[in-house]
Each structure stands twice: as structure tokens, then as C-alpha cells.
Protein backbone atom coordinates (compact mmCIF):
# COMPACT_ATOMS: atom_id res chain seq x y z
CA MET A 1 3.37 -14.39 -34.69
CA VAL A 2 6.12 -16.99 -34.50
CA LEU A 3 5.01 -20.35 -35.95
CA GLY A 4 4.03 -22.76 -33.19
CA PHE A 5 3.65 -20.08 -30.51
CA ARG A 6 0.36 -20.22 -28.64
CA PRO A 7 -0.27 -17.32 -26.25
CA SER A 8 -1.63 -18.17 -22.83
CA CYS A 9 -5.25 -17.44 -21.94
CA THR A 10 -4.06 -14.71 -19.58
CA ALA A 11 -1.93 -13.11 -22.29
CA MET A 12 -4.83 -13.21 -24.73
CA CYS A 13 -7.18 -11.65 -22.15
CA VAL A 14 -4.71 -8.84 -21.53
CA LEU A 15 -4.28 -8.31 -25.29
CA MET A 16 -8.02 -8.29 -25.97
CA SER A 17 -8.60 -5.92 -23.04
CA ALA A 18 -5.97 -3.55 -24.41
CA ILE A 19 -7.46 -3.72 -27.93
CA THR A 20 -10.95 -3.08 -26.58
CA ALA A 21 -9.76 -0.17 -24.44
CA GLN A 22 -7.95 1.35 -27.41
CA ALA A 23 -10.85 0.87 -29.81
CA GLU A 24 -13.53 2.53 -27.70
CA LYS A 25 -13.66 6.27 -27.28
CA TYR A 26 -14.59 7.51 -23.84
CA ALA A 27 -16.47 10.73 -23.20
CA PRO A 28 -15.26 13.16 -20.52
CA ASN A 29 -17.82 12.09 -17.92
CA TRP A 30 -17.87 9.35 -15.31
CA ASP A 31 -20.87 7.60 -16.90
CA SER A 32 -18.67 6.82 -19.87
CA LEU A 33 -15.29 6.56 -18.13
CA ASP A 34 -16.50 4.09 -15.51
CA LYS A 35 -17.49 1.66 -18.28
CA ARG A 36 -13.86 1.16 -19.23
CA PRO A 37 -12.79 -2.31 -18.07
CA THR A 38 -9.74 -2.45 -15.83
CA PRO A 39 -6.96 -4.25 -17.76
CA ALA A 40 -6.83 -7.88 -16.70
CA TRP A 41 -3.17 -7.82 -15.66
CA PHE A 42 -4.02 -5.94 -12.47
CA GLU A 43 -6.15 -8.63 -10.86
CA GLU A 44 -3.76 -11.31 -12.08
CA ALA A 45 -0.84 -9.58 -10.33
CA ARG A 46 -2.31 -9.35 -6.81
CA PHE A 47 0.92 -8.06 -5.19
CA GLY A 48 2.80 -4.84 -5.88
CA ILE A 49 5.62 -2.76 -4.36
CA PHE A 50 5.15 0.93 -3.50
CA VAL A 51 8.20 3.26 -3.30
CA VAL A 52 7.79 6.54 -1.34
CA TRP A 53 10.94 8.64 -1.67
CA GLY A 54 11.69 12.36 -1.69
CA PRO A 55 13.18 15.27 0.32
CA TYR A 56 11.27 14.08 3.40
CA SER A 57 13.58 11.05 3.31
CA VAL A 58 16.37 13.32 4.58
CA PRO A 59 14.91 14.08 8.04
CA SER A 60 12.95 10.79 7.85
CA TRP A 61 11.13 11.50 11.08
CA ALA A 62 7.60 11.54 12.43
CA PRO A 63 5.98 10.75 15.77
CA LYS A 64 5.34 7.03 16.04
CA GLY A 65 2.15 6.13 14.26
CA LYS A 66 2.35 9.09 11.83
CA TYR A 67 3.47 9.47 8.21
CA ALA A 68 7.07 10.70 7.84
CA GLU A 69 6.40 11.92 4.29
CA TRP A 70 4.20 14.68 5.79
CA TYR A 71 7.30 16.26 7.36
CA GLY A 72 7.16 19.39 5.17
CA HIS A 73 3.58 20.06 6.21
CA GLU A 74 3.97 19.21 9.89
CA MET A 75 7.17 21.24 10.44
CA ARG A 76 5.07 24.33 9.64
CA ARG A 77 2.20 23.42 11.93
CA GLN A 78 2.48 25.46 15.10
CA GLY A 79 3.12 23.36 18.18
CA SER A 80 3.46 20.05 16.35
CA PRO A 81 5.99 17.40 17.49
CA THR A 82 7.61 17.63 14.05
CA GLN A 83 8.10 21.37 14.40
CA ALA A 84 9.82 20.83 17.76
CA PHE A 85 12.03 18.07 16.31
CA HIS A 86 12.93 20.25 13.33
CA ALA A 87 13.91 23.26 15.45
CA LYS A 88 16.04 21.07 17.72
CA THR A 89 17.72 19.12 14.91
CA TYR A 90 18.08 21.65 12.08
CA GLY A 91 17.24 25.03 13.58
CA LYS A 92 14.17 27.25 13.27
CA ASP A 93 15.48 29.01 10.17
CA PHE A 94 16.18 25.82 8.21
CA LYS A 95 13.66 25.67 5.36
CA TYR A 96 12.15 22.48 3.95
CA GLU A 97 13.55 23.32 0.50
CA GLN A 98 17.05 22.96 1.93
CA PHE A 99 16.49 19.21 2.15
CA GLY A 100 16.47 19.08 -1.68
CA PRO A 101 20.26 19.08 -2.15
CA MET A 102 20.57 16.58 0.72
CA LEU A 103 18.58 13.95 -1.19
CA THR A 104 21.79 12.68 -2.75
CA ALA A 105 20.92 9.09 -3.78
CA GLU A 106 24.65 8.41 -4.06
CA MET A 107 24.16 4.74 -3.09
CA TRP A 108 21.14 4.16 -5.31
CA GLU A 109 21.30 1.17 -7.66
CA PRO A 110 18.04 0.91 -9.61
CA ASP A 111 18.93 -2.51 -11.01
CA ALA A 112 19.52 -3.85 -7.49
CA TRP A 113 16.15 -2.45 -6.40
CA ALA A 114 14.44 -4.04 -9.39
CA ASP A 115 16.10 -7.40 -8.65
CA LEU A 116 14.83 -7.16 -5.07
CA PHE A 117 11.30 -6.43 -6.27
CA VAL A 118 11.42 -9.49 -8.53
CA LYS A 119 12.62 -11.67 -5.64
CA SER A 120 9.81 -10.31 -3.47
CA GLY A 121 7.26 -11.83 -5.81
CA GLY A 122 5.77 -8.43 -6.61
CA LYS A 123 4.32 -8.12 -10.09
CA TYR A 124 4.10 -4.33 -10.34
CA VAL A 125 5.85 -1.29 -8.91
CA VAL A 126 4.32 2.09 -8.03
CA PHE A 127 7.11 4.68 -7.86
CA MET A 128 6.84 8.22 -6.53
CA ALA A 129 6.57 10.70 -9.42
CA ASN A 130 5.87 13.65 -7.11
CA TYR A 131 4.47 14.22 -3.65
CA HIS A 132 2.42 16.91 -1.91
CA ASP A 133 5.64 18.88 -1.40
CA GLY A 134 5.79 19.32 -5.20
CA TYR A 135 9.21 17.71 -5.61
CA CYS A 136 9.37 15.70 -8.85
CA LEU A 137 11.52 12.61 -9.36
CA TRP A 138 11.80 13.33 -13.07
CA PRO A 139 12.94 16.47 -14.92
CA SER A 140 9.56 18.18 -14.87
CA PRO A 141 9.63 21.44 -16.85
CA TYR A 142 6.78 22.62 -14.61
CA ASN A 143 8.85 22.38 -11.41
CA LYS A 144 12.21 23.71 -12.49
CA GLY A 145 14.74 23.80 -9.68
CA TRP A 146 12.59 21.44 -7.61
CA ASN A 147 13.12 18.09 -9.29
CA SER A 148 15.64 15.27 -9.05
CA VAL A 149 17.61 16.35 -12.14
CA ASP A 150 17.98 20.00 -11.17
CA ILE A 151 18.68 19.47 -7.47
CA GLY A 152 19.79 16.62 -5.23
CA PRO A 153 20.54 13.37 -7.11
CA LYS A 154 20.94 15.13 -10.49
CA ARG A 155 19.36 12.02 -12.04
CA ASP A 156 16.05 11.10 -13.61
CA LEU A 157 15.05 8.74 -10.81
CA LEU A 158 11.68 7.84 -12.32
CA GLY A 159 13.17 7.22 -15.75
CA GLU A 160 15.95 4.98 -14.48
CA MET A 161 13.58 3.03 -12.25
CA THR A 162 11.11 2.57 -15.10
CA GLN A 163 13.81 1.13 -17.33
CA ALA A 164 15.11 -1.24 -14.64
CA VAL A 165 11.67 -2.51 -13.67
CA ARG A 166 10.40 -3.07 -17.21
CA LYS A 167 13.63 -4.81 -18.20
CA ARG A 168 12.68 -7.49 -15.67
CA GLY A 169 9.15 -7.96 -16.93
CA LEU A 170 7.31 -6.16 -14.12
CA LYS A 171 4.59 -3.57 -14.65
CA MET A 172 5.74 -0.05 -13.81
CA GLY A 173 3.49 2.66 -12.43
CA ILE A 174 3.54 6.02 -10.70
CA TYR A 175 2.13 7.72 -7.65
CA TYR A 176 1.01 11.24 -8.58
CA SER A 177 -0.07 14.00 -6.18
CA LEU A 178 -2.71 16.30 -7.64
CA TYR A 179 -2.06 19.17 -5.23
CA GLU A 180 1.10 20.82 -3.85
CA TRP A 181 1.29 22.36 -0.39
CA PHE A 182 3.57 25.25 -1.29
CA HIS A 183 2.90 26.05 -4.96
CA PRO A 184 2.05 29.76 -5.40
CA LEU A 185 -0.85 29.04 -7.74
CA TRP A 186 -2.29 26.45 -5.38
CA LEU A 187 -2.16 28.99 -2.58
CA GLY A 188 -3.45 31.86 -4.70
CA ASP A 189 -5.46 30.75 -7.75
CA ARG A 190 -6.56 27.13 -7.84
CA ASP A 191 -8.24 27.35 -11.24
CA ARG A 192 -4.94 28.46 -12.75
CA PHE A 193 -3.10 25.77 -10.76
CA VAL A 194 -5.27 23.10 -12.40
CA ALA A 195 -5.05 24.56 -15.92
CA GLU A 196 -1.42 25.72 -15.96
CA HIS A 197 0.31 23.29 -13.63
CA PHE A 198 -1.49 20.12 -12.56
CA GLN A 199 -2.94 19.07 -15.91
CA PRO A 200 0.07 19.83 -18.16
CA GLN A 201 2.53 18.33 -15.68
CA PHE A 202 0.42 15.19 -15.41
CA LYS A 203 0.34 14.86 -19.20
CA ASP A 204 4.10 15.37 -19.32
CA VAL A 205 4.93 12.53 -16.95
CA VAL A 206 2.40 10.16 -18.54
CA THR A 207 3.64 10.92 -22.07
CA ARG A 208 7.27 10.43 -21.07
CA TYR A 209 6.95 7.17 -19.14
CA ALA A 210 3.61 5.58 -20.20
CA PRO A 211 2.86 4.13 -16.73
CA SER A 212 0.84 0.95 -16.44
CA ILE A 213 -0.75 2.14 -13.21
CA ILE A 214 -1.47 5.59 -11.80
CA PHE A 215 -2.06 5.98 -8.08
CA ALA A 216 -3.53 9.48 -7.77
CA ASP A 217 -3.62 11.18 -4.36
CA GLY A 218 -3.99 14.59 -2.71
CA GLU A 219 -7.34 15.16 -4.38
CA TRP A 220 -9.48 15.75 -1.31
CA GLU A 221 -9.30 19.55 -1.28
CA MET A 222 -11.60 19.94 -4.30
CA ASP A 223 -14.40 18.18 -6.17
CA PHE A 224 -13.46 16.32 -9.37
CA LYS A 225 -15.21 19.04 -11.38
CA LYS A 226 -12.74 21.56 -10.01
CA TRP A 227 -9.84 19.24 -10.85
CA ARG A 228 -11.34 18.70 -14.32
CA THR A 229 -10.35 15.08 -14.02
CA GLU A 230 -13.10 13.74 -16.26
CA GLU A 231 -11.58 15.46 -19.29
CA LEU A 232 -8.11 14.39 -18.15
CA MET A 233 -9.22 10.74 -17.89
CA ALA A 234 -10.75 10.94 -21.36
CA TRP A 235 -7.34 12.07 -22.65
CA LEU A 236 -5.67 9.25 -20.70
CA PHE A 237 -7.97 6.53 -22.06
CA ASN A 238 -8.28 7.86 -25.63
CA GLU A 239 -4.99 9.51 -26.53
CA SER A 240 -2.17 8.79 -24.07
CA PRO A 241 0.61 6.32 -24.95
CA CYS A 242 -0.55 3.96 -22.17
CA ARG A 243 -4.27 4.08 -22.98
CA GLY A 244 -4.62 0.33 -23.54
CA ASP A 245 -2.66 -0.81 -20.50
CA VAL A 246 -3.10 1.78 -17.76
CA VAL A 247 -4.94 1.08 -14.52
CA ILE A 248 -6.16 3.98 -12.35
CA ASN A 249 -7.44 4.27 -8.79
CA ASP A 250 -10.36 6.26 -7.36
CA ARG A 251 -8.63 9.36 -5.95
CA TRP A 252 -9.55 12.03 -8.47
CA GLY A 253 -11.52 14.60 -6.46
CA LYS A 254 -13.80 13.54 -3.61
CA CYS A 255 -14.93 10.45 -5.48
CA ARG A 256 -13.27 7.61 -3.58
CA GLY A 257 -15.32 4.45 -3.72
CA ARG A 258 -17.54 5.92 -6.44
CA HIS A 259 -15.57 6.68 -9.60
CA GLY A 260 -12.31 5.74 -11.26
CA GLY A 261 -10.69 2.33 -11.45
CA TYR A 262 -9.82 0.26 -8.42
CA TYR A 263 -10.95 1.46 -5.00
CA THR A 264 -8.23 2.23 -2.45
CA SER A 265 -7.96 1.16 1.17
CA GLU A 266 -5.18 2.70 3.28
CA TYR A 267 -3.93 0.83 6.35
CA GLY A 268 -7.19 -1.09 6.44
CA GLY A 269 -9.26 2.08 6.31
CA HIS A 270 -11.73 0.99 3.67
CA THR A 271 -13.46 3.65 1.61
CA ASP A 272 -17.05 4.59 2.31
CA ALA A 273 -18.05 2.17 -0.45
CA LYS A 274 -18.23 -1.54 0.29
CA LEU A 275 -15.01 -3.25 -0.70
CA GLY A 276 -14.60 -6.90 -1.49
CA PRO A 277 -15.38 -9.08 -4.49
CA SER A 278 -18.06 -6.63 -5.68
CA HIS A 279 -15.43 -4.21 -7.02
CA ILE A 280 -11.71 -4.26 -7.82
CA TRP A 281 -9.80 -2.77 -4.90
CA GLU A 282 -6.35 -2.52 -3.34
CA GLU A 283 -5.03 -2.34 0.21
CA ASN A 284 -1.93 -0.12 0.48
CA ARG A 285 0.31 0.45 3.48
CA GLY A 286 3.89 0.57 4.74
CA MET A 287 5.68 -2.19 6.58
CA GLY A 288 5.61 0.02 9.67
CA ALA A 289 3.20 2.83 10.48
CA SER A 290 4.64 5.16 7.82
CA TYR A 291 5.09 5.03 4.07
CA GLY A 292 8.24 7.17 3.95
CA TYR A 293 11.15 5.95 6.07
CA ASN A 294 10.72 6.95 9.72
CA ARG A 295 13.89 6.70 11.82
CA ASN A 296 11.74 7.12 14.91
CA GLU A 297 10.18 3.68 14.44
CA SER A 298 11.60 0.62 16.16
CA ILE A 299 11.29 -3.00 15.10
CA HIS A 300 8.07 -3.19 17.11
CA GLU A 301 6.31 -0.92 14.61
CA TYR A 302 7.16 -3.22 11.70
CA GLY A 303 4.91 -6.07 10.68
CA SER A 304 6.44 -9.52 11.05
CA VAL A 305 6.68 -11.72 7.98
CA ALA A 306 3.78 -13.78 9.33
CA GLU A 307 1.61 -10.66 9.70
CA LEU A 308 2.44 -9.39 6.23
CA VAL A 309 1.91 -12.73 4.50
CA ARG A 310 -1.40 -13.16 6.30
CA LEU A 311 -2.38 -9.65 5.23
CA LEU A 312 -1.63 -10.57 1.61
CA CYS A 313 -3.68 -13.76 1.85
CA ALA A 314 -6.61 -12.05 3.56
CA THR A 315 -6.62 -9.23 1.02
CA VAL A 316 -6.74 -11.59 -1.95
CA ALA A 317 -9.38 -13.68 -0.15
CA ASP A 318 -11.54 -10.54 -0.12
CA GLY A 319 -10.90 -9.92 -3.82
CA GLY A 320 -8.19 -7.27 -3.46
CA ASN A 321 -4.55 -6.57 -4.29
CA LEU A 322 -1.87 -5.63 -1.77
CA LEU A 323 0.48 -2.70 -2.47
CA LEU A 324 3.23 -2.86 0.15
CA CYS A 325 5.47 0.17 0.62
CA VAL A 326 9.21 0.57 1.10
CA GLY A 327 10.64 3.92 2.21
CA PRO A 328 14.24 4.39 1.01
CA THR A 329 16.84 6.52 2.74
CA ALA A 330 18.11 9.83 1.35
CA ASP A 331 21.27 8.19 0.01
CA GLY A 332 19.29 5.59 -1.94
CA ARG A 333 19.20 2.49 0.25
CA ILE A 334 16.16 0.36 1.09
CA PRO A 335 16.48 -0.29 4.85
CA VAL A 336 17.67 -3.81 5.59
CA ILE A 337 14.56 -4.77 7.56
CA MET A 338 12.42 -3.84 4.53
CA GLN A 339 14.65 -5.86 2.22
CA GLU A 340 14.38 -8.82 4.57
CA ARG A 341 10.58 -8.65 4.68
CA LEU A 342 10.38 -8.50 0.87
CA LEU A 343 12.66 -11.51 0.50
CA GLN A 344 10.65 -13.44 3.11
CA ILE A 345 7.39 -12.71 1.32
CA GLY A 346 9.02 -13.71 -1.96
CA GLU A 347 10.18 -16.99 -0.49
CA TRP A 348 6.63 -17.75 0.67
CA LEU A 349 5.21 -16.82 -2.74
CA GLY A 350 7.80 -19.02 -4.44
CA THR A 351 6.08 -21.98 -2.81
CA ASN A 352 2.50 -20.76 -2.55
CA GLY A 353 2.09 -18.21 -5.33
CA GLU A 354 -0.42 -20.41 -7.16
CA ALA A 355 -2.93 -19.56 -4.43
CA ILE A 356 -2.35 -15.79 -4.87
CA TYR A 357 -1.57 -14.86 -8.47
CA GLY A 358 -4.75 -14.81 -10.53
CA ALA A 359 -6.75 -16.18 -7.62
CA LYS A 360 -10.27 -15.02 -6.89
CA ALA A 361 -12.00 -14.19 -3.63
CA SER A 362 -13.12 -16.81 -1.14
CA PRO A 363 -15.93 -18.94 -2.55
CA LEU A 364 -17.29 -19.47 0.95
CA GLY A 365 -18.71 -15.98 1.22
CA PRO A 366 -18.11 -13.34 3.85
CA LYS A 367 -18.19 -15.81 6.76
CA LYS A 368 -15.08 -15.50 8.93
CA LEU A 369 -13.07 -18.69 9.19
CA GLU A 370 -11.46 -19.30 12.56
CA TRP A 371 -8.45 -21.02 10.99
CA GLY A 372 -7.57 -18.56 8.17
CA VAL A 373 -8.92 -17.56 4.74
CA CYS A 374 -9.70 -19.03 1.31
CA THR A 375 -8.94 -18.09 -2.28
CA SER A 376 -10.10 -19.92 -5.38
CA LYS A 377 -9.56 -20.82 -9.02
CA PRO A 378 -11.74 -22.94 -11.29
CA GLY A 379 -11.92 -26.42 -9.79
CA ARG A 380 -9.89 -25.49 -6.73
CA VAL A 381 -10.26 -23.93 -3.32
CA TYR A 382 -7.08 -22.83 -1.54
CA ALA A 383 -7.28 -22.99 2.24
CA HIS A 384 -4.72 -20.57 3.75
CA VAL A 385 -4.21 -21.95 7.25
CA PHE A 386 -2.74 -19.44 9.69
CA GLY A 387 -0.26 -20.73 12.28
CA GLY A 388 0.72 -24.21 13.34
CA ARG A 389 -2.70 -25.79 13.70
CA THR A 390 -3.62 -29.46 14.09
CA GLY A 391 -6.82 -31.44 13.72
CA GLU A 392 -9.37 -30.55 11.06
CA ILE A 393 -10.40 -27.40 9.25
CA GLU A 394 -13.97 -26.82 8.14
CA LEU A 395 -15.02 -25.42 4.76
CA PRO A 396 -18.48 -24.22 5.78
CA GLY A 397 -21.13 -24.13 3.09
CA LEU A 398 -19.12 -26.12 0.53
CA GLN A 399 -21.58 -28.40 -1.27
CA SER A 400 -19.26 -29.73 -3.99
CA GLU A 401 -17.68 -33.13 -3.73
CA ILE A 402 -14.00 -33.01 -2.78
CA ALA A 403 -11.84 -34.89 -5.26
CA ALA A 404 -8.52 -34.46 -3.43
CA ALA A 405 -6.73 -32.36 -0.84
CA TYR A 406 -3.01 -31.86 -0.29
CA LEU A 407 -0.47 -29.28 0.82
CA LEU A 408 0.59 -26.88 -1.93
CA ALA A 409 4.14 -27.09 -0.55
CA ASP A 410 4.15 -30.89 -0.98
CA LYS A 411 5.47 -31.70 -4.45
CA GLY A 412 4.43 -35.31 -3.91
CA LYS A 413 0.82 -34.22 -3.30
CA LYS A 414 0.34 -36.64 -0.42
CA ALA A 415 -3.40 -36.98 0.09
CA LEU A 416 -5.03 -35.46 3.15
CA ALA A 417 -8.17 -37.11 4.51
CA THR A 418 -11.43 -35.31 3.75
CA ARG A 419 -15.09 -35.78 4.66
CA ARG A 420 -18.34 -34.22 3.61
CA VAL A 421 -21.28 -33.30 5.78
CA GLU A 422 -24.52 -31.55 4.93
CA ALA A 423 -23.20 -28.18 6.12
CA GLY A 424 -19.88 -28.32 4.24
CA GLY A 425 -16.58 -30.15 4.09
CA PHE A 426 -13.62 -30.96 6.34
CA VAL A 427 -9.93 -31.53 5.66
CA LYS A 428 -7.67 -33.37 8.10
CA LEU A 429 -4.45 -31.46 8.71
CA PRO A 430 -1.07 -33.20 8.85
CA GLU A 431 0.64 -33.52 12.22
CA ARG A 432 2.79 -30.52 11.40
CA LEU A 433 2.17 -27.76 8.88
CA PRO A 434 5.18 -26.63 6.80
CA ASP A 435 4.90 -22.88 7.49
CA ASP A 436 4.29 -21.17 10.82
CA ALA A 437 2.92 -18.11 9.02
CA VAL A 438 0.55 -19.56 6.41
CA SER A 439 0.33 -23.07 4.99
CA VAL A 440 -1.83 -23.58 1.92
CA ILE A 441 -3.97 -26.64 1.30
CA VAL A 442 -5.27 -27.31 -2.21
CA VAL A 443 -8.81 -28.66 -2.20
CA GLU A 444 -9.73 -30.00 -5.63
CA ILE A 445 -13.43 -29.94 -6.42
CA GLU A 446 -15.40 -32.30 -8.64
CA GLY A 447 -17.26 -30.33 -11.27
CA LYS A 448 -18.46 -26.80 -10.73
CA LEU A 449 -17.98 -25.19 -7.33
CA VAL A 450 -21.24 -25.28 -5.38
CA LYS A 451 -21.85 -23.62 -2.02
CA THR A 452 -24.90 -23.27 0.13
CA THR A 453 -26.91 -20.06 -0.11
CA LYS A 454 -27.73 -20.19 3.60
């Protein structure tokens, strides 16, 4: 250690978590695996960027409200809108595999993408390693001729993205599909698929790139016993190169909301388990109605910056992270509207990030607040006020004395009037709030936070 250097509390927590995770050996069963603490960096980060990119980015089409990345599946489904679009646009004899060479990525600049992710305020990136179509964005020896080095870009997309992201201090992770729609072993012998394809390919990508987060998916066709994921997780936590740092989700074989790391919620569709402060969780979604780029969507399908910022605030207020997706084009561009939204969110976080990064869930309980949401840190409540409101906001149930209140955007910390009543506290809003989307008010508390149990 350099003389005079004192690591932050957060850095020490992350280090101790990694040491603890490395020191303990986990048995290949959920009773043991579920005792592994999720590395602290994940809840500190709160906001991540998801990248969904592959051969489906060539046609980049789905009916409005559907996922464009399911193109390869839907074009085979008799009578589907995608099948009709495909026949009209490419011809009935055009096979999905023919999109592989058309994923050219000739305009892709991984450093420019990484710079954009930094400016967005995201703290981690989840990049597509493979999808249900089996296409790999690294030179997988288990999918020869169907990966980004052998066909299409002729580049190790995952490797280049990993290097660019980590060079900028962000955490880098992968999305990994357990199953593959068209793989012969999946269609003919699933036990062999697991033993000879899924497990060794998973170990290959993890060993090569040591991801800090693994978003598993495509697990729903079989129970986790069939996937043999307990033994795979034991390898991940005990032996893999990322064993001290890696965060996993709960999609490992019909066990969502029950086993794994953080619980996943997709487009607000919470798992069957209760989400919220009781367990680490993450909301993931696209900016429109699709993860992969859908040319069929108009601006009306995209969330406004106000909607997306409010979604971020509400997710953190309920104890979760937000993973927001961008769907690049086949030639390697992030659509301009997606770039704009990321920059707008980053601008908001540049002012108000204190109320998001490392913040905890609302201390006021599950009660819905008619003016917005709350997050908290020791000694502070952050009131996220939605829209251009006037008058007062109520902090129902707050029993602590309020030491001060001011706008987070106000560097001068001009005091806002407050008052206490038996049922809670009130803060007087200024005549005009600084942000039409979300304005954050810092409410400093005297002593320990106290709220009513009623």
C-alpha cells in the first residue's frame, strides 16, 4: 500500500467481500451457494447499461410491443407477423444463418461506446456473449462458424468491449443464454447439450473474460437439476478467475425469485417472489418495447427522459438496480435516440447522483407518495419530486427531527422551510423546481432515522 493512502469505506467493503468470497468454499447445492454474499459493488452501482446485439440486428424488426431479438424464432413460427415480414423482405428461402455475414460492425468503435456509457452515469455494462440463436460474440470453440470472429465482423466483440469498458473503470459483465434454439444437441439430446456444449462453453467465456456480472437467461425449459447449475455455480464461486467479484442473477433453471444472486424483473414484470428491500433485485428493460433494435418502433414507443429518470429513481427507492438496454444496429451504431437518452440520464445523474449511487430504499416504507419517491443514506432522506410541483411535500411517518432541507442541485444549499407534525414531516418547495423530470431535495435528519411503525 502506498504510504498515506487510505482506502474508502466502500473500497474496503468490496475488498473484504471479495476476500470472504474467495476464502469460503461453496458446495454444489443452493443451501450453500445462496449463502454467498453478493459483492458490495453491485448495490453501490445502482445503474447499468445492457447491450443486446447479434444477427437479429440485421433485420431488426418485430411487431410493435414485441422483442426484435426473437426474430430467428418467430420467422419459423407458422403464421406469425415476423414470418410474413421475412418472406416479403428477404424471401421464403432466406435462412436465419444468412444474417451472420451481414452483421458487419464496420462502424463499431468500442472506445466511443465505452465513453458514452461513462457519460450516461452507468457503473456497469452487461454485454451480449451469446443469445438463444447460439451466435457468440467471442471466438467460441464450441460454436465454430457461428461466432463474431469466424463470420460477420471477424472481430472478438466481447473481448474488445471488455477492454474498453474496464479501461474506463466500469464493471464489465455478460449476458449468457443457457439454451440455443437450433443446436442439434438441444433438439436431440439435452443431457449431452448440457455436458458437451452449455457447461464447457460457459466455462470458456468466463475463464477468458472474468466477468463481474453474469446475466443468465433461457433457462426456463428445464429444472436447474437438469442444467446442473449448482455444480457450475460451485465452480464459478470456488475456482473461476472472477470468483471474488462476480455477481449472478436468478435465471438458472426454473428458480427465479428463489435461488441465485439478485432477482430479475423484466419490463416491470416482477418475479413470483416479493421484490423490494427484502432482497437484492434488478429491473431490466429497453428504452422502447424491445431489447434488440426494432426499426418498426416509432418515437412514441421510446420512454422520454423524464419517464426513464423516474423509473431509475423509483427502482432505487424500492431497493433495486436499473439495467437499461441499448440495441445497436448491424453496422455497429447505437441509434441516436438511444445515445440522447443515455446522455440525458447522465446529465441528471451528474447533478443528482448522490441520491442514487449507494443509496438505500425508501425509509418511509411501502406507502405510495403522491409527489414522487424517496431514497436514503445514513442521516439523510432524499425526496425525489416528480414534475414541476409547488407547495409542500409530506414525509409521512417520519419521526426524526429535521435538521435541514435543501435542493441537491443548489450548491449554495439554500434552506427550505420544514415543519414537523405527529404523523410526519413537511418540506416547503421553492416557487420553481430545477428539473421538470425529477428534482431531489436533501432532508438532513438529526440522529438516527426514526419512522412510525403504524
